[in-house]
Each structure stands twice: as C-alpha cells, then as structure tokens.
Amino acid sequence: YNIEGNLTIKGITNKVSFPANVVMSDGMMNVKAAF
C-alpha cells in the first residue's frame, strides 16, 4: 500500500509518502516499510 500522512518532528510538519507491506497473520497486524 502507498501510505500518505503528516510527520511532525521538532514541531515542524511535512507531508510524507512511502510504500508499506501489510500482513494479517497469526492473529496480528504487521506493517513493514522502508523509506
């Protein structure tokens, strides 16, 4: 999935987007992303 959102660091907010791998397995939701 392509994830879009607002990232706030040091009180400064910027829009970011990145791909994420979302897996439902063994009763858990696992999200992995690299960017």
Full PDB file with SEQRES, HELIX, SHEET, SSBOND, CRYST1, ORIGX, SCALE, CONECT and MASTER records, all heavy atoms in Angstrom:
SEQRES   1 A   35  TYR ASN ILE GLU GLY ASN LEU THR ILE LYS GLY ILE THR          
SEQRES   2 A   35  ASN LYS VAL SER PHE PRO ALA ASN VAL VAL MET SER ASP          
SEQRES   3 A   35  GLY MET MET ASN VAL LYS ALA ALA PHE                          
SHEET    1 AA1 3 ASN A   2  ILE A   9  0                                        
SHEET    2 AA1 3 ILE A  12  SER A  25 -1                                        
SHEET    3 AA1 3 MET A  28  ALA A  33 -1                                        
CRYST1    1.000    1.000    1.000  90.00  90.00  90.00 P 1           1          
ORIGX1      1.000000  0.000000  0.000000        0.00000                         
ORIGX2      0.000000  1.000000  0.000000        0.00000                         
ORIGX3      0.000000  0.000000  1.000000        0.00000                         
SCALE1      1.000000  0.000000  0.000000        0.00000                         
SCALE2      0.000000  1.000000  0.000000        0.00000                         
SCALE3      0.000000  0.000000  1.000000        0.00000                         
ATOM      1  N   TYR A   1       0.839  -1.202   0.000  1.00  0.00           N  
ATOM      2  CA  TYR A   1       0.000   0.000   0.000  1.00  0.00           C  
ATOM      3  C   TYR A   1       0.871   1.248   0.000  1.00  0.00           C  
ATOM      4  O   TYR A   1       1.979   1.244   0.531  1.00  0.00           O  
ATOM      5  CB  TYR A   1      -0.898   0.021   1.228  1.00  0.00           C  
ATOM      6  CG  TYR A   1      -1.807  -1.178   1.325  1.00  0.00           C  
ATOM      7  CD1 TYR A   1      -1.368  -2.367   1.885  1.00  0.00           C  
ATOM      8  CD2 TYR A   1      -3.103  -1.122   0.843  1.00  0.00           C  
ATOM      9  CE1 TYR A   1      -2.186  -3.482   1.963  1.00  0.00           C  
ATOM     10  CE2 TYR A   1      -3.943  -2.225   0.913  1.00  0.00           C  
ATOM     11  CZ  TYR A   1      -3.475  -3.400   1.480  1.00  0.00           C  
ATOM     12  OH  TYR A   1      -4.285  -4.499   1.545  1.00  0.00           O  
ATOM     13  N   ASN A   2       0.365   2.290  -0.628  1.00  0.00           N  
ATOM     14  CA  ASN A   2       1.023   3.589  -0.564  1.00  0.00           C  
ATOM     15  C   ASN A   2       0.411   4.375   0.591  1.00  0.00           C  
ATOM     16  O   ASN A   2      -0.777   4.670   0.592  1.00  0.00           O  
ATOM     17  CB  ASN A   2       0.855   4.361  -1.869  1.00  0.00           C  
ATOM     18  CG  ASN A   2       1.637   5.657  -1.854  1.00  0.00           C  
ATOM     19  OD1 ASN A   2       2.846   5.655  -1.673  1.00  0.00           O  
ATOM     20  ND2 ASN A   2       0.950   6.773  -2.040  1.00  0.00           N  
ATOM     21  N   ILE A   3       1.241   4.689   1.564  1.00  0.00           N  
ATOM     22  CA  ILE A   3       0.796   5.392   2.763  1.00  0.00           C  
ATOM     23  C   ILE A   3       1.144   6.869   2.631  1.00  0.00           C  
ATOM     24  O   ILE A   3       2.266   7.226   2.276  1.00  0.00           O  
ATOM     25  CB  ILE A   3       1.472   4.836   4.024  1.00  0.00           C  
ATOM     26  CG1 ILE A   3       1.298   3.315   4.105  1.00  0.00           C  
ATOM     27  CG2 ILE A   3       0.919   5.512   5.276  1.00  0.00           C  
ATOM     28  CD1 ILE A   3      -0.117   2.847   4.226  1.00  0.00           C  
ATOM     29  N   GLU A   4       0.189   7.733   2.911  1.00  0.00           N  
ATOM     30  CA  GLU A   4       0.429   9.174   2.931  1.00  0.00           C  
ATOM     31  C   GLU A   4       0.009   9.726   4.286  1.00  0.00           C  
ATOM     32  O   GLU A   4      -0.969   9.278   4.881  1.00  0.00           O  
ATOM     33  CB  GLU A   4      -0.360   9.864   1.815  1.00  0.00           C  
ATOM     34  CG  GLU A   4       0.076   9.460   0.419  1.00  0.00           C  
ATOM     35  CD  GLU A   4      -0.660  10.231  -0.665  1.00  0.00           C  
ATOM     36  OE1 GLU A   4      -1.593  10.993  -0.316  1.00  0.00           O  
ATOM     37  OE2 GLU A   4      -0.299  10.079  -1.835  1.00  0.00           O  
ATOM     38  N   GLY A   5       0.776  10.694   4.766  1.00  0.00           N  
ATOM     39  CA  GLY A   5       0.430  11.270   6.058  1.00  0.00           C  
ATOM     40  C   GLY A   5       1.291  12.462   6.393  1.00  0.00           C  
ATOM     41  O   GLY A   5       2.114  12.914   5.585  1.00  0.00           O  
ATOM     42  N   ASN A   6       1.111  12.973   7.598  1.00  0.00           N  
ATOM     43  CA  ASN A   6       1.847  14.134   8.097  1.00  0.00           C  
ATOM     44  C   ASN A   6       2.795  13.694   9.198  1.00  0.00           C  
ATOM     45  O   ASN A   6       2.378  13.068  10.177  1.00  0.00           O  
ATOM     46  CB  ASN A   6       0.881  15.192   8.631  1.00  0.00           C  
ATOM     47  CG  ASN A   6      -0.015  15.753   7.539  1.00  0.00           C  
ATOM     48  OD1 ASN A   6       0.447  16.020   6.438  1.00  0.00           O  
ATOM     49  ND2 ASN A   6      -1.296  15.911   7.826  1.00  0.00           N  
ATOM     50  N   LEU A   7       4.072  14.029   9.027  1.00  0.00           N  
ATOM     51  CA  LEU A   7       5.098  13.687  10.010  1.00  0.00           C  
ATOM     52  C   LEU A   7       5.578  14.961  10.691  1.00  0.00           C  
ATOM     53  O   LEU A   7       6.057  15.886  10.026  1.00  0.00           O  
ATOM     54  CB  LEU A   7       6.269  12.977   9.325  1.00  0.00           C  
ATOM     55  CG  LEU A   7       7.447  12.578  10.222  1.00  0.00           C  
ATOM     56  CD1 LEU A   7       6.992  11.617  11.317  1.00  0.00           C  
ATOM     57  CD2 LEU A   7       8.568  11.955   9.398  1.00  0.00           C  
ATOM     58  N   THR A   8       5.444  15.002  12.012  1.00  0.00           N  
ATOM     59  CA  THR A   8       5.848  16.173  12.794  1.00  0.00           C  
ATOM     60  C   THR A   8       7.078  15.838  13.626  1.00  0.00           C  
ATOM     61  O   THR A   8       7.045  14.927  14.464  1.00  0.00           O  
ATOM     62  CB  THR A   8       4.710  16.639  13.719  1.00  0.00           C  
ATOM     63  OG1 THR A   8       3.556  16.957  12.930  1.00  0.00           O  
ATOM     64  CG2 THR A   8       5.120  17.884  14.496  1.00  0.00           C  
ATOM     65  N   ILE A   9       8.166  16.563  13.379  1.00  0.00           N  
ATOM     66  CA  ILE A   9       9.410  16.441  14.136  1.00  0.00           C  
ATOM     67  C   ILE A   9       9.846  17.843  14.531  1.00  0.00           C  
ATOM     68  O   ILE A   9       9.812  18.761  13.713  1.00  0.00           O  
ATOM     69  CB  ILE A   9      10.527  15.767  13.303  1.00  0.00           C  
ATOM     70  CG1 ILE A   9      10.074  14.406  12.774  1.00  0.00           C  
ATOM     71  CG2 ILE A   9      11.803  15.618  14.129  1.00  0.00           C  
ATOM     72  CD1 ILE A   9      11.077  13.755  11.829  1.00  0.00           C  
ATOM     73  N   LYS A  10      10.220  18.015  15.775  1.00  0.00           N  
ATOM     74  CA  LYS A  10      10.653  19.328  16.278  1.00  0.00           C  
ATOM     75  C   LYS A  10       9.571  20.396  16.072  1.00  0.00           C  
ATOM     76  O   LYS A  10       9.861  21.563  15.845  1.00  0.00           O  
ATOM     77  CB  LYS A  10      11.960  19.767  15.601  1.00  0.00           C  
ATOM     78  CG  LYS A  10      13.125  18.837  15.873  1.00  0.00           C  
ATOM     79  CD  LYS A  10      14.371  19.207  15.093  1.00  0.00           C  
ATOM     80  CE  LYS A  10      14.927  20.552  15.528  1.00  0.00           C  
ATOM     81  NZ  LYS A  10      16.253  20.822  14.903  1.00  0.00           N  
ATOM     82  N   GLY A  11       8.324  19.993  16.111  1.00  0.00           N  
ATOM     83  CA  GLY A  11       7.229  20.925  15.928  1.00  0.00           C  
ATOM     84  C   GLY A  11       6.991  21.335  14.486  1.00  0.00           C  
ATOM     85  O   GLY A  11       6.150  22.195  14.209  1.00  0.00           O  
ATOM     86  N   ILE A  12       7.707  20.731  13.539  1.00  0.00           N  
ATOM     87  CA  ILE A  12       7.586  21.047  12.114  1.00  0.00           C  
ATOM     88  C   ILE A  12       6.892  19.882  11.416  1.00  0.00           C  
ATOM     89  O   ILE A  12       7.294  18.724  11.575  1.00  0.00           O  
ATOM     90  CB  ILE A  12       8.962  21.296  11.476  1.00  0.00           C  
ATOM     91  CG1 ILE A  12       9.680  22.440  12.200  1.00  0.00           C  
ATOM     92  CG2 ILE A  12       8.839  21.586   9.988  1.00  0.00           C  
ATOM     93  CD1 ILE A  12      11.137  22.581  11.821  1.00  0.00           C  
ATOM     94  N   THR A  13       5.861  20.180  10.645  1.00  0.00           N  
ATOM     95  CA  THR A  13       5.076  19.132   9.977  1.00  0.00           C  
ATOM     96  C   THR A  13       5.294  19.162   8.475  1.00  0.00           C  
ATOM     97  O   THR A  13       5.198  20.215   7.838  1.00  0.00           O  
ATOM     98  CB  THR A  13       3.578  19.301  10.273  1.00  0.00           C  
ATOM     99  OG1 THR A  13       3.361  19.243  11.693  1.00  0.00           O  
ATOM    100  CG2 THR A  13       2.761  18.207   9.608  1.00  0.00           C  
ATOM    101  N   ASN A  14       5.599  18.010   7.913  1.00  0.00           N  
ATOM    102  CA  ASN A  14       5.731  17.845   6.469  1.00  0.00           C  
ATOM    103  C   ASN A  14       4.954  16.623   6.020  1.00  0.00           C  
ATOM    104  O   ASN A  14       4.823  15.637   6.765  1.00  0.00           O  
ATOM    105  CB  ASN A  14       7.204  17.670   6.069  1.00  0.00           C  
ATOM    106  CG  ASN A  14       7.991  18.959   6.141  1.00  0.00           C  
ATOM    107  OD1 ASN A  14       7.746  19.898   5.380  1.00  0.00           O  
ATOM    108  ND2 ASN A  14       8.945  19.021   7.058  1.00  0.00           N  
ATOM    109  N   LYS A  15       4.445  16.678   4.788  1.00  0.00           N  
ATOM    110  CA  LYS A  15       3.769  15.527   4.215  1.00  0.00           C  
ATOM    111  C   LYS A  15       4.799  14.507   3.751  1.00  0.00           C  
ATOM    112  O   LYS A  15       5.826  14.867   3.169  1.00  0.00           O  
ATOM    113  CB  LYS A  15       2.894  15.960   3.040  1.00  0.00           C  
ATOM    114  CG  LYS A  15       1.705  16.822   3.435  1.00  0.00           C  
ATOM    115  CD  LYS A  15       0.870  17.188   2.215  1.00  0.00           C  
ATOM    116  CE  LYS A  15      -0.331  18.039   2.601  1.00  0.00           C  
ATOM    117  NZ  LYS A  15      -1.144  18.412   1.419  1.00  0.00           N  
ATOM    118  N   VAL A  16       4.523  13.244   3.992  1.00  0.00           N  
ATOM    119  CA  VAL A  16       5.408  12.167   3.554  1.00  0.00           C  
ATOM    120  C   VAL A  16       4.555  11.060   2.932  1.00  0.00           C  
ATOM    121  O   VAL A  16       3.361  10.931   3.229  1.00  0.00           O  
ATOM    122  CB  VAL A  16       6.242  11.587   4.714  1.00  0.00           C  
ATOM    123  CG1 VAL A  16       7.165  12.637   5.302  1.00  0.00           C  
ATOM    124  CG2 VAL A  16       5.339  11.002   5.795  1.00  0.00           C  
ATOM    125  N   SER A  17       5.170  10.277   2.058  1.00  0.00           N  
ATOM    126  CA  SER A  17       4.502   9.107   1.490  1.00  0.00           C  
ATOM    127  C   SER A  17       5.533   8.002   1.309  1.00  0.00           C  
ATOM    128  O   SER A  17       6.715   8.274   1.050  1.00  0.00           O  
ATOM    129  CB  SER A  17       3.833   9.446   0.158  1.00  0.00           C  
ATOM    130  OG  SER A  17       4.794   9.835  -0.802  1.00  0.00           O  
ATOM    131  N   PHE A  18       5.085   6.761   1.456  1.00  0.00           N  
ATOM    132  CA  PHE A  18       6.003   5.627   1.358  1.00  0.00           C  
ATOM    133  C   PHE A  18       5.199   4.347   1.163  1.00  0.00           C  
ATOM    134  O   PHE A  18       4.035   4.259   1.557  1.00  0.00           O  
ATOM    135  CB  PHE A  18       6.869   5.518   2.612  1.00  0.00           C  
ATOM    136  CG  PHE A  18       6.082   5.523   3.894  1.00  0.00           C  
ATOM    137  CD1 PHE A  18       5.577   4.347   4.431  1.00  0.00           C  
ATOM    138  CD2 PHE A  18       5.838   6.716   4.564  1.00  0.00           C  
ATOM    139  CE1 PHE A  18       4.851   4.350   5.609  1.00  0.00           C  
ATOM    140  CE2 PHE A  18       5.113   6.734   5.748  1.00  0.00           C  
ATOM    141  CZ  PHE A  18       4.609   5.552   6.266  1.00  0.00           C  
ATOM    142  N   PRO A  19       5.803   3.325   0.546  1.00  0.00           N  
ATOM    143  CA  PRO A  19       5.122   2.043   0.408  1.00  0.00           C  
ATOM    144  C   PRO A  19       5.238   1.240   1.703  1.00  0.00           C  
ATOM    145  O   PRO A  19       6.239   1.336   2.427  1.00  0.00           O  
ATOM    146  CB  PRO A  19       5.888   1.363  -0.732  1.00  0.00           C  
ATOM    147  CG  PRO A  19       7.262   1.951  -0.645  1.00  0.00           C  
ATOM    148  CD  PRO A  19       7.086   3.364  -0.172  1.00  0.00           C  
ATOM    149  N   ALA A  20       4.222   0.456   1.990  1.00  0.00           N  
ATOM    150  CA  ALA A  20       4.236  -0.373   3.193  1.00  0.00           C  
ATOM    151  C   ALA A  20       3.671  -1.749   2.881  1.00  0.00           C  
ATOM    152  O   ALA A  20       2.750  -1.897   2.076  1.00  0.00           O  
ATOM    153  CB  ALA A  20       3.431   0.288   4.299  1.00  0.00           C  
ATOM    154  N   ASN A  21       4.238  -2.754   3.525  1.00  0.00           N  
ATOM    155  CA  ASN A  21       3.764  -4.123   3.408  1.00  0.00           C  
ATOM    156  C   ASN A  21       2.905  -4.436   4.629  1.00  0.00           C  
ATOM    157  O   ASN A  21       3.380  -4.358   5.762  1.00  0.00           O  
ATOM    158  CB  ASN A  21       4.959  -5.078   3.326  1.00  0.00           C  
ATOM    159  CG  ASN A  21       4.533  -6.517   3.125  1.00  0.00           C  
ATOM    160  OD1 ASN A  21       4.055  -7.161   4.050  1.00  0.00           O  
ATOM    161  ND2 ASN A  21       4.728  -7.024   1.921  1.00  0.00           N  
ATOM    162  N   VAL A  22       1.625  -4.753   4.405  1.00  0.00           N  
ATOM    163  CA  VAL A  22       0.685  -5.003   5.499  1.00  0.00           C  
ATOM    164  C   VAL A  22       0.274  -6.465   5.460  1.00  0.00           C  
ATOM    165  O   VAL A  22      -0.266  -6.940   4.461  1.00  0.00           O  
ATOM    166  CB  VAL A  22      -0.556  -4.104   5.389  1.00  0.00           C  
ATOM    167  CG1 VAL A  22      -1.512  -4.360   6.547  1.00  0.00           C  
ATOM    168  CG2 VAL A  22      -0.148  -2.635   5.353  1.00  0.00           C  
ATOM    169  N   VAL A  23       0.528  -7.192   6.545  1.00  0.00           N  
ATOM    170  CA  VAL A  23       0.247  -8.626   6.585  1.00  0.00           C  
ATOM    171  C   VAL A  23      -0.610  -8.953   7.804  1.00  0.00           C  
ATOM    172  O   VAL A  23      -0.304  -8.520   8.915  1.00  0.00           O  
ATOM    173  CB  VAL A  23       1.548  -9.449   6.641  1.00  0.00           C  
ATOM    174  CG1 VAL A  23       1.239 -10.936   6.788  1.00  0.00           C  
ATOM    175  CG2 VAL A  23       2.389  -9.205   5.389  1.00  0.00           C  
ATOM    176  N   MET A  24      -1.683  -9.709   7.565  1.00  0.00           N  
ATOM    177  CA  MET A  24      -2.502 -10.232   8.645  1.00  0.00           C  
ATOM    178  C   MET A  24      -2.148 -11.706   8.808  1.00  0.00           C  
ATOM    179  O   MET A  24      -2.380 -12.507   7.899  1.00  0.00           O  
ATOM    180  CB  MET A  24      -3.976 -10.073   8.304  1.00  0.00           C  
ATOM    181  CG  MET A  24      -4.399  -8.658   7.960  1.00  0.00           C  
ATOM    182  SD  MET A  24      -4.339  -7.558   9.383  1.00  0.00           S  
ATOM    183  CE  MET A  24      -5.729  -8.181  10.307  1.00  0.00           C  
ATOM    184  N   SER A  25      -1.538 -12.059   9.944  1.00  0.00           N  
ATOM    185  CA  SER A  25      -1.087 -13.434  10.116  1.00  0.00           C  
ATOM    186  C   SER A  25      -1.022 -13.773  11.594  1.00  0.00           C  
ATOM    187  O   SER A  25      -0.570 -12.963  12.419  1.00  0.00           O  
ATOM    188  CB  SER A  25       0.303 -13.606   9.479  1.00  0.00           C  
ATOM    189  OG  SER A  25       0.798 -14.907   9.683  1.00  0.00           O  
ATOM    190  N   ASP A  26      -1.459 -14.972  11.930  1.00  0.00           N  
ATOM    191  CA  ASP A  26      -1.382 -15.483  13.304  1.00  0.00           C  
ATOM    192  C   ASP A  26      -2.018 -14.528  14.308  1.00  0.00           C  
ATOM    193  O   ASP A  26      -1.495 -14.314  15.397  1.00  0.00           O  
ATOM    194  CB  ASP A  26       0.081 -15.749  13.694  1.00  0.00           C  
ATOM    195  CG  ASP A  26       0.728 -16.804  12.815  1.00  0.00           C  
ATOM    196  OD1 ASP A  26       0.012 -17.732  12.401  1.00  0.00           O  
ATOM    197  OD2 ASP A  26       1.931 -16.690  12.541  1.00  0.00           O  
ATOM    198  N   GLY A  27      -3.125 -13.938  13.918  1.00  0.00           N  
ATOM    199  CA  GLY A  27      -3.848 -13.070  14.838  1.00  0.00           C  
ATOM    200  C   GLY A  27      -3.207 -11.726  15.079  1.00  0.00           C  
ATOM    201  O   GLY A  27      -3.479 -11.084  16.100  1.00  0.00           O  
ATOM    202  N   MET A  28      -2.352 -11.251  14.169  1.00  0.00           N  
ATOM    203  CA  MET A  28      -1.675  -9.974  14.356  1.00  0.00           C  
ATOM    204  C   MET A  28      -1.633  -9.181  13.057  1.00  0.00           C  
ATOM    205  O   MET A  28      -1.659  -9.754  11.969  1.00  0.00           O  
ATOM    206  CB  MET A  28      -0.248 -10.196  14.866  1.00  0.00           C  
ATOM    207  CG  MET A  28      -0.162 -10.875  16.203  1.00  0.00           C  
ATOM    208  SD  MET A  28       1.541 -11.172  16.721  1.00  0.00           S  
ATOM    209  CE  MET A  28       1.257 -12.042  18.276  1.00  0.00           C  
ATOM    210  N   MET A  29      -1.572  -7.859  13.185  1.00  0.00           N  
ATOM    211  CA  MET A  29      -1.380  -6.985  12.035  1.00  0.00           C  
ATOM    212  C   MET A  29       0.066  -6.485  12.060  1.00  0.00           C  
ATOM    213  O   MET A  29       0.476  -5.814  13.001  1.00  0.00           O  
ATOM    214  CB  MET A  29      -2.343  -5.789  12.094  1.00  0.00           C  
ATOM    215  CG  MET A  29      -2.172  -4.823  10.925  1.00  0.00           C  
ATOM    216  SD  MET A  29      -3.105  -3.266  11.142  1.00  0.00           S  
ATOM    217  CE  MET A  29      -4.783  -3.888  11.150  1.00  0.00           C  
ATOM    218  N   ASN A  30       0.815  -6.832  11.023  1.00  0.00           N  
ATOM    219  CA  ASN A  30       2.216  -6.423  10.930  1.00  0.00           C  
ATOM    220  C   ASN A  30       2.401  -5.490   9.738  1.00  0.00           C  
ATOM    221  O   ASN A  30       1.974  -5.801   8.629  1.00  0.00           O  
ATOM    222  CB  ASN A  30       3.118  -7.651  10.773  1.00  0.00           C  
ATOM    223  CG  ASN A  30       4.595  -7.298  10.693  1.00  0.00           C  
ATOM    224  OD1 ASN A  30       5.314  -7.817   9.858  1.00  0.00           O  
ATOM    225  ND2 ASN A  30       5.058  -6.419  11.555  1.00  0.00           N  
ATOM    226  N   VAL A  31       3.005  -4.337   9.993  1.00  0.00           N  
ATOM    227  CA  VAL A  31       3.266  -3.354   8.940  1.00  0.00           C  
ATOM    228  C   VAL A  31       4.769  -3.124   8.859  1.00  0.00           C  
ATOM    229  O   VAL A  31       5.412  -2.799   9.861  1.00  0.00           O  
ATOM    230  CB  VAL A  31       2.552  -2.016   9.228  1.00  0.00           C  
ATOM    231  CG1 VAL A  31       2.842  -1.018   8.115  1.00  0.00           C  
ATOM    232  CG2 VAL A  31       1.049  -2.226   9.379  1.00  0.00           C  
ATOM    233  N   LYS A  32       5.327  -3.286   7.657  1.00  0.00           N  
ATOM    234  CA  LYS A  32       6.745  -3.044   7.435  1.00  0.00           C  
ATOM    235  C   LYS A  32       6.912  -2.027   6.317  1.00  0.00           C  
ATOM    236  O   LYS A  32       6.221  -2.097   5.303  1.00  0.00           O  
ATOM    237  CB  LYS A  32       7.488  -4.334   7.096  1.00  0.00           C  
ATOM    238  CG  LYS A  32       7.532  -5.338   8.235  1.00  0.00           C  
ATOM    239  CD  LYS A  32       8.365  -6.558   7.868  1.00  0.00           C  
ATOM    240  CE  LYS A  32       8.432  -7.531   9.039  1.00  0.00           C  
ATOM    241  NZ  LYS A  32       9.264  -8.728   8.739  1.00  0.00           N  
ATOM    242  N   ALA A  33       7.846  -1.098   6.505  1.00  0.00           N  
ATOM    243  CA  ALA A  33       8.087  -0.068   5.494  1.00  0.00           C  
ATOM    244  C   ALA A  33       9.546   0.345   5.542  1.00  0.00           C  
ATOM    245  O   ALA A  33      10.191   0.302   6.589  1.00  0.00           O  
ATOM    246  CB  ALA A  33       7.189   1.145   5.734  1.00  0.00           C  
ATOM    247  N   ALA A  34      10.079   0.760   4.390  1.00  0.00           N  
ATOM    248  CA  ALA A  34      11.441   1.274   4.289  1.00  0.00           C  
ATOM    249  C   ALA A  34      11.421   2.484   3.369  1.00  0.00           C  
ATOM    250  O   ALA A  34      10.891   2.417   2.262  1.00  0.00           O  
ATOM    251  CB  ALA A  34      12.391   0.203   3.753  1.00  0.00           C  
ATOM    252  N   PHE A  35      11.993   3.605   3.834  1.00  0.00           N  
ATOM    253  CA  PHE A  35      11.945   4.828   3.051  1.00  0.00           C  
ATOM    254  C   PHE A  35      13.010   5.813   3.530  1.00  0.00           C  
ATOM    255  O   PHE A  35      13.660   5.602   4.570  1.00  0.00           O  
ATOM    256  CB  PHE A  35      10.555   5.479   3.133  1.00  0.00           C  
ATOM    257  CG  PHE A  35      10.078   5.721   4.536  1.00  0.00           C  
ATOM    258  CD1 PHE A  35      10.230   6.941   5.155  1.00  0.00           C  
ATOM    259  CD2 PHE A  35       9.445   4.702   5.239  1.00  0.00           C  
ATOM    260  CE1 PHE A  35       9.792   7.163   6.439  1.00  0.00           C  
ATOM    261  CE2 PHE A  35       8.990   4.910   6.538  1.00  0.00           C  
ATOM    262  CZ  PHE A  35       9.165   6.139   7.134  1.00  0.00           C  
TER     263      PHE A  35                                                      
MASTER        0    0    0    0    3    0    0    6  262    1    0    3          
END                                                                             
